């Protein structure tokens, strides 16, 4: 993507689409980043030379989702098939 005179072939006039007040969600001025995966220990937002030094973030947050472990009493368990049917595996 190459912009010419502040006009982007994808986002149009960057004075509008690149501005936080006038941009609609998904345009450069109103962008949401989502990063997910296992084993991520760091996310770096690195802006090289030539970018607006007055960049700002409205909401900058992170969440940690811990894996859920369900411990059943010995000898009991409920198995759920891909169809959603349940099977009691309690020994008889």
C-alpha atoms as a PDB file:
ATOM      1  CA  UNK A   1       0.000   0.000   0.000  1.00  0.00           C
ATOM      2  CA  UNK A   2       1.466   3.326  -1.033  1.00  0.00           C
ATOM      3  CA  UNK A   3      -0.052   6.642  -0.138  1.00  0.00           C
ATOM      4  CA  UNK A   4       0.255   9.674  -2.388  1.00  0.00           C
ATOM      5  CA  UNK A   5      -0.354  13.136  -0.968  1.00  0.00           C
ATOM      6  CA  UNK A   6      -2.160  11.811   2.109  1.00  0.00           C
ATOM      7  CA  UNK A   7      -4.470   9.637   0.002  1.00  0.00           C
ATOM      8  CA  UNK A   8      -4.343   5.898   0.612  1.00  0.00           C
ATOM      9  CA  UNK A   9      -5.617   3.551  -2.102  1.00  0.00           C
ATOM     10  CA  UNK A  10      -7.199   1.441   0.662  1.00  0.00           C
ATOM     11  CA  UNK A  11      -8.358   3.999   3.268  1.00  0.00           C
ATOM     12  CA  UNK A  12      -8.830   7.152   1.168  1.00  0.00           C
ATOM     13  CA  UNK A  13      -8.074  10.559   2.689  1.00  0.00           C
ATOM     14  CA  UNK A  14      -5.857   9.850   5.704  1.00  0.00           C
ATOM     15  CA  UNK A  15      -6.773  13.242   7.189  1.00  0.00           C
ATOM     16  CA  UNK A  16     -10.154  11.641   7.866  1.00  0.00           C
ATOM     17  CA  UNK A  17      -9.559   7.873   8.024  1.00  0.00           C
ATOM     18  CA  UNK A  18      -6.317   8.325   9.972  1.00  0.00           C
ATOM     19  CA  UNK A  19      -7.793  10.651  12.586  1.00  0.00           C
ATOM     20  CA  UNK A  20      -8.962   9.130  15.872  1.00  0.00           C
ATOM     21  CA  UNK A  21     -12.074  11.310  16.005  1.00  0.00           C
ATOM     22  CA  UNK A  22     -13.349  10.915  12.436  1.00  0.00           C
ATOM     23  CA  UNK A  23     -12.200   7.362  11.611  1.00  0.00           C
ATOM     24  CA  UNK A  24     -14.649   4.480  11.732  1.00  0.00           C
ATOM     25  CA  UNK A  25     -13.605   1.167  13.340  1.00  0.00           C
ATOM     26  CA  UNK A  26     -11.072  -0.653  11.166  1.00  0.00           C
ATOM     27  CA  UNK A  27      -9.536   2.476   9.658  1.00  0.00           C
ATOM     28  CA  UNK A  28      -5.978   3.500  10.651  1.00  0.00           C
ATOM     29  CA  UNK A  29      -7.250   6.126  13.121  1.00  0.00           C
ATOM     30  CA  UNK A  30      -9.531   3.644  14.888  1.00  0.00           C
ATOM     31  CA  UNK A  31      -7.712   0.336  14.829  1.00  0.00           C
ATOM     32  CA  UNK A  32      -8.038  -2.576  17.247  1.00  0.00           C
ATOM     33  CA  UNK A  33      -5.166  -5.013  17.654  1.00  0.00           C
ATOM     34  CA  UNK A  34      -5.858  -8.462  19.033  1.00  0.00           C
ATOM     35  CA  UNK A  35      -2.980 -10.755  19.866  1.00  0.00           C
ATOM     36  CA  UNK A  36      -3.587 -14.278  21.123  1.00  0.00           C
ATOM     37  CA  UNK A  37      -1.771 -17.557  21.415  1.00  0.00           C
ATOM     38  CA  UNK A  38       0.065 -19.769  23.827  1.00  0.00           C
ATOM     39  CA  UNK A  39       3.554 -19.002  25.067  1.00  0.00           C
ATOM     40  CA  UNK A  40       3.462 -15.251  24.315  1.00  0.00           C
ATOM     41  CA  UNK A  41       5.669 -13.498  26.852  1.00  0.00           C
ATOM     42  CA  UNK A  42       6.007 -10.058  25.253  1.00  0.00           C
ATOM     43  CA  UNK A  43       4.278  -7.856  22.684  1.00  0.00           C
ATOM     44  CA  UNK A  44       6.199  -4.834  21.394  1.00  0.00           C
ATOM     45  CA  UNK A  45       4.611  -1.935  19.529  1.00  0.00           C
ATOM     46  CA  UNK A  46       7.591  -0.461  17.697  1.00  0.00           C
ATOM     47  CA  UNK A  47       7.092   2.628  15.575  1.00  0.00           C
ATOM     48  CA  UNK A  48      10.022   3.486  13.334  1.00  0.00           C
ATOM     49  CA  UNK A  49      11.026   6.896  12.062  1.00  0.00           C
ATOM     50  CA  UNK A  50       8.481   8.972  10.193  1.00  0.00           C
ATOM     51  CA  UNK A  51       5.476   8.055  12.303  1.00  0.00           C
ATOM     52  CA  UNK A  52       3.385  10.580  14.198  1.00  0.00           C
ATOM     53  CA  UNK A  53       5.075  11.193  17.574  1.00  0.00           C
ATOM     54  CA  UNK A  54       1.689  12.201  19.017  1.00  0.00           C
ATOM     55  CA  UNK A  55       0.190   8.719  18.769  1.00  0.00           C
ATOM     56  CA  UNK A  56      -2.172   7.850  21.583  1.00  0.00           C
ATOM     57  CA  UNK A  57      -4.029   4.838  22.887  1.00  0.00           C
ATOM     58  CA  UNK A  58      -7.579   5.025  24.170  1.00  0.00           C
ATOM     59  CA  UNK A  59      -7.641   1.563  25.720  1.00  0.00           C
ATOM     60  CA  UNK A  60      -4.507  -0.464  26.264  1.00  0.00           C
ATOM     61  CA  UNK A  61      -5.017  -3.627  28.270  1.00  0.00           C
ATOM     62  CA  UNK A  62      -4.177  -7.269  28.489  1.00  0.00           C
ATOM     63  CA  UNK A  63      -5.839 -10.300  29.953  1.00  0.00           C
ATOM     64  CA  UNK A  64      -4.447 -13.627  31.025  1.00  0.00           C
ATOM     65  CA  UNK A  65      -6.601 -16.672  30.540  1.00  0.00           C
ATOM     66  CA  UNK A  66      -5.435 -19.587  32.611  1.00  0.00           C
ATOM     67  CA  UNK A  67      -6.224 -23.097  31.441  1.00  0.00           C
ATOM     68  CA  UNK A  68      -9.101 -24.681  33.338  1.00  0.00           C
ATOM     69  CA  UNK A  69      -8.457 -28.024  35.000  1.00  0.00           C
ATOM     70  CA  UNK A  70     -11.416 -30.060  36.164  1.00  0.00           C
ATOM     71  CA  UNK A  71     -10.633 -32.655  38.787  1.00  0.00           C
ATOM     72  CA  UNK A  72     -13.220 -35.424  39.122  1.00  0.00           C
ATOM     73  CA  UNK A  73     -13.394 -37.670  42.180  1.00  0.00           C
ATOM     74  CA  UNK A  74     -11.573 -40.971  41.587  1.00  0.00           C
ATOM     75  CA  UNK A  75     -13.600 -43.402  39.515  1.00  0.00           C
ATOM     76  CA  UNK A  76     -16.025 -40.838  38.076  1.00  0.00           C
ATOM     77  CA  UNK A  77     -16.027 -38.686  34.984  1.00  0.00           C
ATOM     78  CA  UNK A  78     -18.454 -37.347  32.443  1.00  0.00           C
ATOM     79  CA  UNK A  79     -17.324 -37.542  28.839  1.00  0.00           C
ATOM     80  CA  UNK A  80     -18.733 -35.106  26.300  1.00  0.00           C
ATOM     81  CA  UNK A  81     -18.699 -36.163  22.644  1.00  0.00           C
ATOM     82  CA  UNK A  82     -18.305 -33.650  19.780  1.00  0.00           C
ATOM     83  CA  UNK A  83     -22.084 -33.960  19.203  1.00  0.00           C
ATOM     84  CA  UNK A  84     -22.691 -32.763  22.773  1.00  0.00           C
ATOM     85  CA  UNK A  85     -23.937 -36.091  24.102  1.00  0.00           C
ATOM     86  CA  UNK A  86     -22.685 -36.989  27.573  1.00  0.00           C
ATOM     87  CA  UNK A  87     -21.598 -40.373  28.821  1.00  0.00           C
ATOM     88  CA  UNK A  88     -21.146 -41.281  32.462  1.00  0.00           C
ATOM     89  CA  UNK A  89     -17.953 -43.306  32.791  1.00  0.00           C
ATOM     90  CA  UNK A  90     -18.506 -44.270  36.440  1.00  0.00           C
ATOM     91  CA  UNK A  91     -17.422 -47.908  36.911  1.00  0.00           C
ATOM     92  CA  UNK A  92     -20.279 -50.347  37.536  1.00  0.00           C
END
